[in-house]
Protein backbone atom coordinates (compact mmCIF):
# COMPACT_ATOMS: atom_id res chain seq x y z
CA MET A 1 -16.87 -9.15 10.64
CA ALA A 2 -17.36 -5.74 12.23
CA ASP A 3 -18.75 -2.71 10.44
CA PRO A 4 -16.00 -1.57 8.01
CA TYR A 5 -16.50 2.08 8.95
CA GLU A 6 -15.82 1.24 12.60
CA VAL A 7 -12.79 -0.88 11.66
CA LEU A 8 -11.19 2.06 9.83
CA GLY A 9 -12.42 4.65 12.35
CA VAL A 10 -14.27 6.73 9.75
CA GLN A 11 -17.83 8.02 9.26
CA ARG A 12 -20.32 7.04 6.56
CA GLY A 13 -20.25 10.53 5.11
CA ASP A 14 -16.45 10.74 4.87
CA THR A 15 -14.80 11.17 1.47
CA GLN A 16 -12.89 8.43 -0.35
CA GLU A 17 -9.69 10.36 0.34
CA THR A 18 -10.40 10.30 4.09
CA ILE A 19 -11.06 6.56 3.97
CA ARG A 20 -7.88 5.97 1.95
CA ALA A 21 -5.80 7.98 4.44
CA ALA A 22 -7.28 6.14 7.42
CA TYR A 23 -6.54 2.76 5.83
CA ARG A 24 -2.96 3.63 4.98
CA LYS A 25 -2.30 4.91 8.51
CA LEU A 26 -3.72 1.79 10.16
CA ALA A 27 -2.13 -0.60 7.64
CA LYS A 28 1.32 0.81 8.28
CA LYS A 29 0.82 0.55 12.05
CA HIS A 30 -0.41 -3.06 12.08
CA HIS A 31 1.51 -4.53 9.12
CA PRO A 32 2.88 -8.01 10.04
CA ASP A 33 6.38 -7.03 8.86
CA LEU A 34 6.50 -4.40 11.59
CA ASN A 35 4.90 -6.65 14.22
CA PRO A 36 6.63 -10.04 13.88
CA GLY A 37 5.02 -12.74 16.00
CA ASN A 38 2.13 -10.47 17.04
CA ASN A 39 -1.02 -12.47 16.19
CA GLU A 40 -3.31 -9.70 17.37
CA ALA A 41 -1.70 -7.20 15.00
CA GLU A 42 -1.94 -9.73 12.15
CA GLU A 43 -5.67 -10.25 12.71
CA ARG A 44 -6.18 -6.51 13.01
CA PHE A 45 -4.34 -6.02 9.70
CA LYS A 46 -6.57 -8.59 7.99
CA ALA A 47 -9.70 -6.81 9.25
CA ILE A 48 -8.36 -3.43 8.10
CA SER A 49 -7.56 -4.79 4.63
CA ALA A 50 -11.00 -6.40 4.28
CA ALA A 51 -12.75 -3.18 5.34
CA ASN A 52 -10.72 -1.19 2.85
CA GLU A 53 -11.46 -3.61 0.02
CA LEU A 54 -15.15 -2.88 0.48
CA LEU A 55 -15.09 0.86 1.19
CA SER A 56 -12.42 1.75 -1.39
CA ASP A 57 -14.76 0.61 -4.16
CA PRO A 58 -17.44 3.35 -4.57
CA ASP A 59 -19.94 0.90 -6.03
CA LYS A 60 -19.52 -1.67 -3.24
CA ARG A 61 -19.57 1.07 -0.64
CA ALA A 62 -22.86 2.40 -2.02
CA ARG A 63 -24.37 -1.09 -2.09
CA TYR A 64 -23.23 -1.72 1.49
CA ASP A 65 -24.76 1.59 2.61
CA ARG A 66 -28.04 0.57 0.95
CA GLY A 67 -27.94 -2.80 2.72
CA GLU A 68 -27.60 -4.83 -0.48
CA ILE A 69 -24.36 -6.54 0.59
CA ASP A 70 -22.91 -7.38 3.99
CA GLU A 71 -19.50 -6.58 5.54
CA THR A 72 -17.82 -9.33 3.52
CA GLY A 73 -19.23 -8.07 0.23
CA ALA A 74 -21.69 -10.99 -0.06
CA GLU A 75 -25.23 -10.44 -1.32
CA ARG A 76 -27.74 -10.19 1.49
CA GLN A 77 -30.46 -11.71 -0.69
CA ARG A 78 -29.73 -13.50 -3.94
CA GLU A 79 -32.36 -14.35 -6.53
CA TYR A 80 -32.06 -17.00 -9.18
CA TYR A 81 -33.55 -17.58 -12.59
CA HIS A 82 -36.07 -20.11 -11.36
CA HIS A 83 -37.63 -17.40 -9.18
CA TYR A 84 -38.80 -15.81 -12.42
CA ALA A 85 -40.36 -18.93 -13.95
CA ASP A 86 -43.87 -17.52 -13.62
CA ALA A 87 -42.90 -13.85 -13.73
CA ALA A 88 -43.71 -11.34 -16.39
CA PRO A 89 -41.52 -11.17 -19.52
CA GLY A 90 -38.25 -9.34 -18.88
CA ALA A 91 -37.95 -10.45 -15.23
CA GLY A 92 -35.05 -12.79 -16.01
CA ARG A 93 -33.32 -9.98 -17.84
CA ARG A 94 -33.67 -7.78 -14.77
CA TYR A 95 -31.83 -10.35 -12.61
CA ARG A 96 -28.96 -10.63 -15.06
CA ALA A 97 -28.63 -6.84 -15.11
CA GLU A 98 -28.35 -6.79 -11.32
CA ALA A 99 -25.74 -9.54 -11.36
CA SER A 100 -23.65 -7.56 -13.85
CA GLY A 101 -23.68 -4.39 -11.77
CA ILE A 102 -26.02 -2.53 -14.20
CA ASP A 103 -28.96 -0.57 -12.89
CA PRO A 104 -32.05 -2.43 -14.19
CA GLU A 105 -33.92 0.83 -14.75
CA ASP A 106 -31.05 2.14 -16.86
CA LEU A 107 -31.13 -1.06 -18.88
CA GLU A 108 -34.85 -0.81 -19.46
CA ALA A 109 -34.39 2.80 -20.55
CA LEU A 110 -31.80 1.71 -23.11
CA PHE A 111 -34.12 -0.95 -24.48
CA GLY A 112 -36.95 1.55 -24.75
CA ARG A 113 -34.75 4.19 -26.38
CA PHE A 114 -33.65 1.90 -29.20
CA GLY A 115 -36.93 0.05 -29.54
CA PHE A 116 -35.49 -3.35 -28.69
CA GLY A 117 -37.64 -6.18 -27.43
CA ALA A 118 -36.46 -8.27 -24.51
CA ALA A 119 -34.78 -10.90 -26.66
CA ARG A 120 -33.15 -8.42 -29.03
CA GLY A 121 -31.98 -6.31 -26.11
CA GLU A 122 -30.26 -9.18 -24.41
CA ALA A 123 -28.52 -10.23 -27.59
CA GLY A 124 -27.61 -6.78 -28.90
CA LEU A 125 -26.48 -4.81 -25.86
CA ASN A 126 -22.81 -5.24 -24.92
CA LEU A 127 -21.43 -3.29 -21.95
CA ARG A 128 -18.00 -3.38 -20.35
CA GLY A 129 -17.90 -4.61 -16.77
CA GLN A 130 -17.20 -2.28 -13.86
CA ASP A 131 -13.71 -1.71 -12.45
CA VAL A 132 -13.21 -2.89 -8.88
CA HIS A 133 -10.84 -1.32 -6.36
CA TYR A 134 -8.68 -3.08 -3.78
CA GLY A 135 -5.87 -2.13 -1.42
CA LEU A 136 -2.66 -4.10 -0.86
CA THR A 137 0.08 -3.35 1.66
CA VAL A 138 3.57 -4.60 0.79
CA SER A 139 6.91 -4.41 2.56
CA PHE A 140 9.56 -1.83 1.69
CA ALA A 141 11.79 -4.59 0.30
CA ASP A 142 9.05 -6.08 -1.92
CA ALA A 143 8.22 -2.66 -3.35
CA ALA A 144 11.89 -1.93 -4.03
CA ARG A 145 12.91 -5.30 -5.51
CA GLY A 146 9.59 -6.50 -6.92
CA ALA A 147 7.51 -9.48 -5.82
CA THR A 148 4.31 -11.41 -6.44
CA ARG A 149 1.61 -11.31 -3.79
CA ARG A 150 -1.75 -13.10 -3.69
CA ILE A 151 -4.90 -11.34 -2.53
CA THR A 152 -8.20 -13.04 -1.72
CA LEU A 153 -11.28 -11.20 -2.91
CA PRO A 154 -14.49 -10.99 -0.83
CA GLU A 155 -16.21 -13.61 -3.01
CA GLY A 156 -13.36 -16.07 -2.32
CA ARG A 157 -11.54 -15.73 -5.65
CA SER A 158 -7.77 -15.15 -5.52
CA LEU A 159 -5.60 -12.88 -7.65
CA ASP A 160 -1.83 -12.98 -8.03
CA VAL A 161 -0.55 -9.39 -8.11
CA THR A 162 2.89 -8.71 -9.57
CA ILE A 163 4.59 -5.81 -7.78
CA PRO A 164 7.06 -4.23 -10.23
CA ALA A 165 10.48 -3.32 -8.86
CA GLY A 166 10.52 0.29 -7.74
CA THR A 167 6.78 0.53 -6.98
CA LYS A 168 6.05 3.67 -4.96
CA ASP A 169 3.64 4.19 -2.08
CA GLY A 170 0.19 5.06 -3.45
CA ALA A 171 0.80 3.52 -6.88
CA VAL A 172 -2.24 1.89 -8.55
CA LEU A 173 -1.73 -1.34 -10.49
CA ARG A 174 -4.28 -2.32 -13.14
CA LEU A 175 -5.11 -6.00 -13.70
CA ARG A 176 -7.01 -6.05 -16.97
CA GLY A 177 -10.06 -8.26 -17.19
CA GLN A 178 -10.08 -9.07 -13.46
CA GLY A 179 -12.93 -6.73 -12.51
CA GLY A 180 -16.70 -7.05 -12.74
CA PRO A 181 -18.21 -9.23 -15.52
CA GLY A 182 -19.34 -7.59 -18.73
CA TYR A 183 -22.90 -7.63 -20.04
CA GLY A 184 -23.60 -9.50 -23.24
CA GLU A 185 -20.35 -9.67 -25.17
CA GLY A 186 -18.83 -6.75 -23.28
CA ARG A 187 -15.41 -7.45 -21.82
CA PRO A 188 -14.88 -7.63 -18.04
CA GLY A 189 -13.75 -4.58 -16.11
CA ASP A 190 -10.34 -4.22 -14.51
CA ALA A 191 -9.08 -4.69 -10.96
CA LEU A 192 -7.32 -1.59 -9.64
CA ILE A 193 -4.90 -2.35 -6.80
CA GLU A 194 -3.70 0.59 -4.72
CA ILE A 195 -0.33 -0.16 -3.14
CA THR A 196 0.62 0.95 0.36
CA VAL A 197 4.32 0.51 1.11
CA ALA A 198 4.94 -0.25 4.77
CA PRO A 199 7.72 1.85 6.29
CA HIS A 200 11.07 0.14 6.90
CA PRO A 201 12.59 0.41 10.40
CA PHE A 202 15.98 1.54 8.97
CA PHE A 203 15.72 2.50 5.30
CA ARG A 204 13.93 5.41 3.68
CA ARG A 205 13.48 6.22 0.01
CA GLU A 206 14.47 9.34 -1.91
CA GLY A 207 13.58 8.83 -5.56
CA ASP A 208 15.41 5.65 -6.55
CA ASP A 209 18.01 6.08 -3.80
CA ILE A 210 17.88 4.39 -0.41
CA ILE A 211 19.03 6.32 2.64
CA LEU A 212 20.33 4.61 5.80
CA ARG A 213 21.26 6.56 8.91
CA LEU A 214 24.07 4.54 10.49
CA PRO A 215 25.22 5.05 14.10
CA VAL A 216 29.01 4.95 14.58
CA THR A 217 31.16 5.36 17.66
CA LEU A 218 33.36 8.39 18.27
CA LYS A 219 36.42 6.21 17.78
CA GLU A 220 35.15 4.89 14.42
CA ALA A 221 34.40 8.43 13.26
CA VAL A 222 37.77 9.89 14.31
CA LEU A 223 40.07 7.02 13.31
CA GLY A 224 38.01 5.56 10.48
CA GLY A 225 38.07 1.92 9.46
CA PRO A 226 35.94 -0.87 8.00
CA ILE A 227 32.37 -1.49 9.21
CA GLU A 228 29.46 -3.62 7.99
CA VAL A 229 26.37 -1.95 6.55
CA PRO A 230 22.96 -3.53 5.86
CA THR A 231 21.49 -3.25 2.34
CA LEU A 232 18.45 -4.78 0.65
CA GLY A 233 20.79 -7.35 -0.87
CA GLY A 234 22.56 -8.26 2.37
CA ARG A 235 25.35 -6.80 4.49
CA VAL A 236 28.37 -5.21 2.81
CA ARG A 237 31.68 -3.91 4.14
CA VAL A 238 32.54 -0.21 3.76
CA THR A 239 35.34 1.99 5.05
CA VAL A 240 34.64 5.03 7.20
CA PRO A 241 37.07 7.83 6.30
CA PRO A 242 39.14 9.13 9.24
CA GLY A 243 37.80 12.38 10.69
CA SER A 244 34.19 11.70 9.74
CA GLY A 245 31.34 13.37 11.59
CA THR A 246 27.57 13.23 11.90
CA GLY A 247 26.08 13.80 8.44
CA THR A 248 29.04 12.37 6.50
CA ARG A 249 27.62 10.46 3.51
CA LEU A 250 29.02 7.29 2.00
CA ARG A 251 27.70 6.06 -1.37
CA LEU A 252 27.14 2.41 -2.16
CA ARG A 253 26.88 2.44 -5.94
CA GLY A 254 24.04 0.41 -7.44
CA ARG A 255 22.63 -0.66 -4.07
CA GLY A 256 19.47 1.42 -4.40
CA ILE A 257 16.22 0.85 -6.30
CA LYS A 258 16.59 -0.11 -9.96
CA HIS A 259 19.55 2.07 -11.04
CA GLY A 260 19.72 4.09 -7.83
CA HIS A 261 22.32 4.02 -5.05
CA GLN A 262 22.31 3.56 -1.29
CA PHE A 263 23.63 6.42 0.80
CA VAL A 264 24.88 5.84 4.33
CA GLU A 265 24.58 8.89 6.59
CA LEU A 266 26.86 8.60 9.62
CA ASP A 267 25.53 9.51 13.04
CA VAL A 268 28.23 9.80 15.71
CA VAL A 269 26.97 8.61 19.08
CA GLN A 270 28.59 8.73 22.49
CA PRO A 271 28.90 5.76 24.88
CA PRO A 272 25.86 5.27 27.12
CA GLY A 273 27.87 5.46 30.35
CA GLU A 274 30.55 7.73 31.81
CA GLU A 275 34.02 7.72 30.23
CA PRO A 276 36.33 9.44 32.74
CA GLU A 277 39.48 9.00 30.61
CA LEU A 278 37.82 10.55 27.59
CA ALA A 279 36.49 13.40 29.68
CA ALA A 280 39.96 14.06 31.18
CA PHE A 281 41.56 14.02 27.73
CA LEU A 282 39.04 16.46 26.27
CA LYS A 283 39.41 18.79 29.23
CA ASP A 284 43.06 19.44 28.42
CA TRP A 285 42.77 18.96 24.65
CA THR A 286 43.10 21.91 22.27
CA PRO A 287 42.08 21.26 18.64
CA GLN A 288 44.87 21.76 16.13
CA HIS A 289 42.37 23.44 13.80
CA GLU A 290 40.14 25.82 15.71
CA PHE A 291 36.58 26.16 14.40
CA ASN A 292 33.17 27.36 15.56
CA PRO A 293 30.42 24.81 14.75
CA ARG A 294 27.73 27.44 15.45
CA ALA A 295 29.16 30.17 13.24
CA GLU A 296 26.23 30.17 10.81
CA LEU A 297 23.68 30.33 13.63
CA GLU A 298 25.38 33.36 15.12
CA LYS A 299 24.80 35.24 11.86
CA ALA A 300 21.04 34.92 12.20
C-alpha cells in the first residue's frame, strides 16, 4: 500500500480538517456508485478509504508518523510476553500497556503516584479504551432510506454499520464498545464512523426534501400532460399543468426523506436540431397576454 499522505494528496503537517476534506473530495469522485464497471476507480476508492482510516485517527496517525505502524495499521515490530521471561519486574506490564494504547511512562507515573506495586497496579488500575475513527462513504439512496454496510478494519476485523434513514453528509455514528480495548476492567472505547454521502447524479437534498430538476419539452410544458418521474422508491406518474415553464415546481407528497417530500422542478428544453415550422409559427405569433420576462432586471 502506498503512503497514505500521498494517496490523499496531503502533507504530513496538514490539519485533520484538511485531511478530512481531501478524503471526502476524492471519495465522491471515485465512489463505485458513480463509476459503475470502472475497476480502476473501485481500486482507487479502496486505497482512499484505507488511507483515511489511518490518518483520520489522530492516535494511529501519530504512531504511523513515528514509524510504529505501517500503511495498513499493522505493528512494525511486535513483542510478546515470552520476550520478557528474563526481564526485570514490570517489563510484562509495559508490553500490556503498549498493546492497550496507554503510554507506558504515563502508566508507571500512575503506579508511582499511588504507591502501587506492579501486581497491585495491574489489578487495581482500570482505564477505558481509546476511541477509533473511521470513514465510510455511502450512496445517496442508502443515506436517505437507511442501510447496513460492512467495513473491514486494518487488523482484519469487520464491523456492520447501520446507516439510519436520513443520515446527512458528515454525520458521525458511534458504535459503542467497538474501539480500542480497555485496560484492566476498563470498558473498550467506541468506534466513530464519519459518513460521506456520495452525490446523486439527479437528486439533491434540501433538509428532508429531495429536489429533482426534470427536463421537459416545449410541447409538454405548453400543453401539459402525464409524464413519468424517477423517485427513490421507483418511477411514478405525474401530470404537468398546461402552461408550465422552467422553474415550475410539482410536489410529490411523502416521496422525500423520512417525512419529507420530493419536488420536481421543470426545465423546458428546446429540440437539439432546427425546427423550421416552429420558427415560422413564432415569427408571426403574437402572445395573447403580453409580458416582459426581463422587467425586474431593467429596474436594476
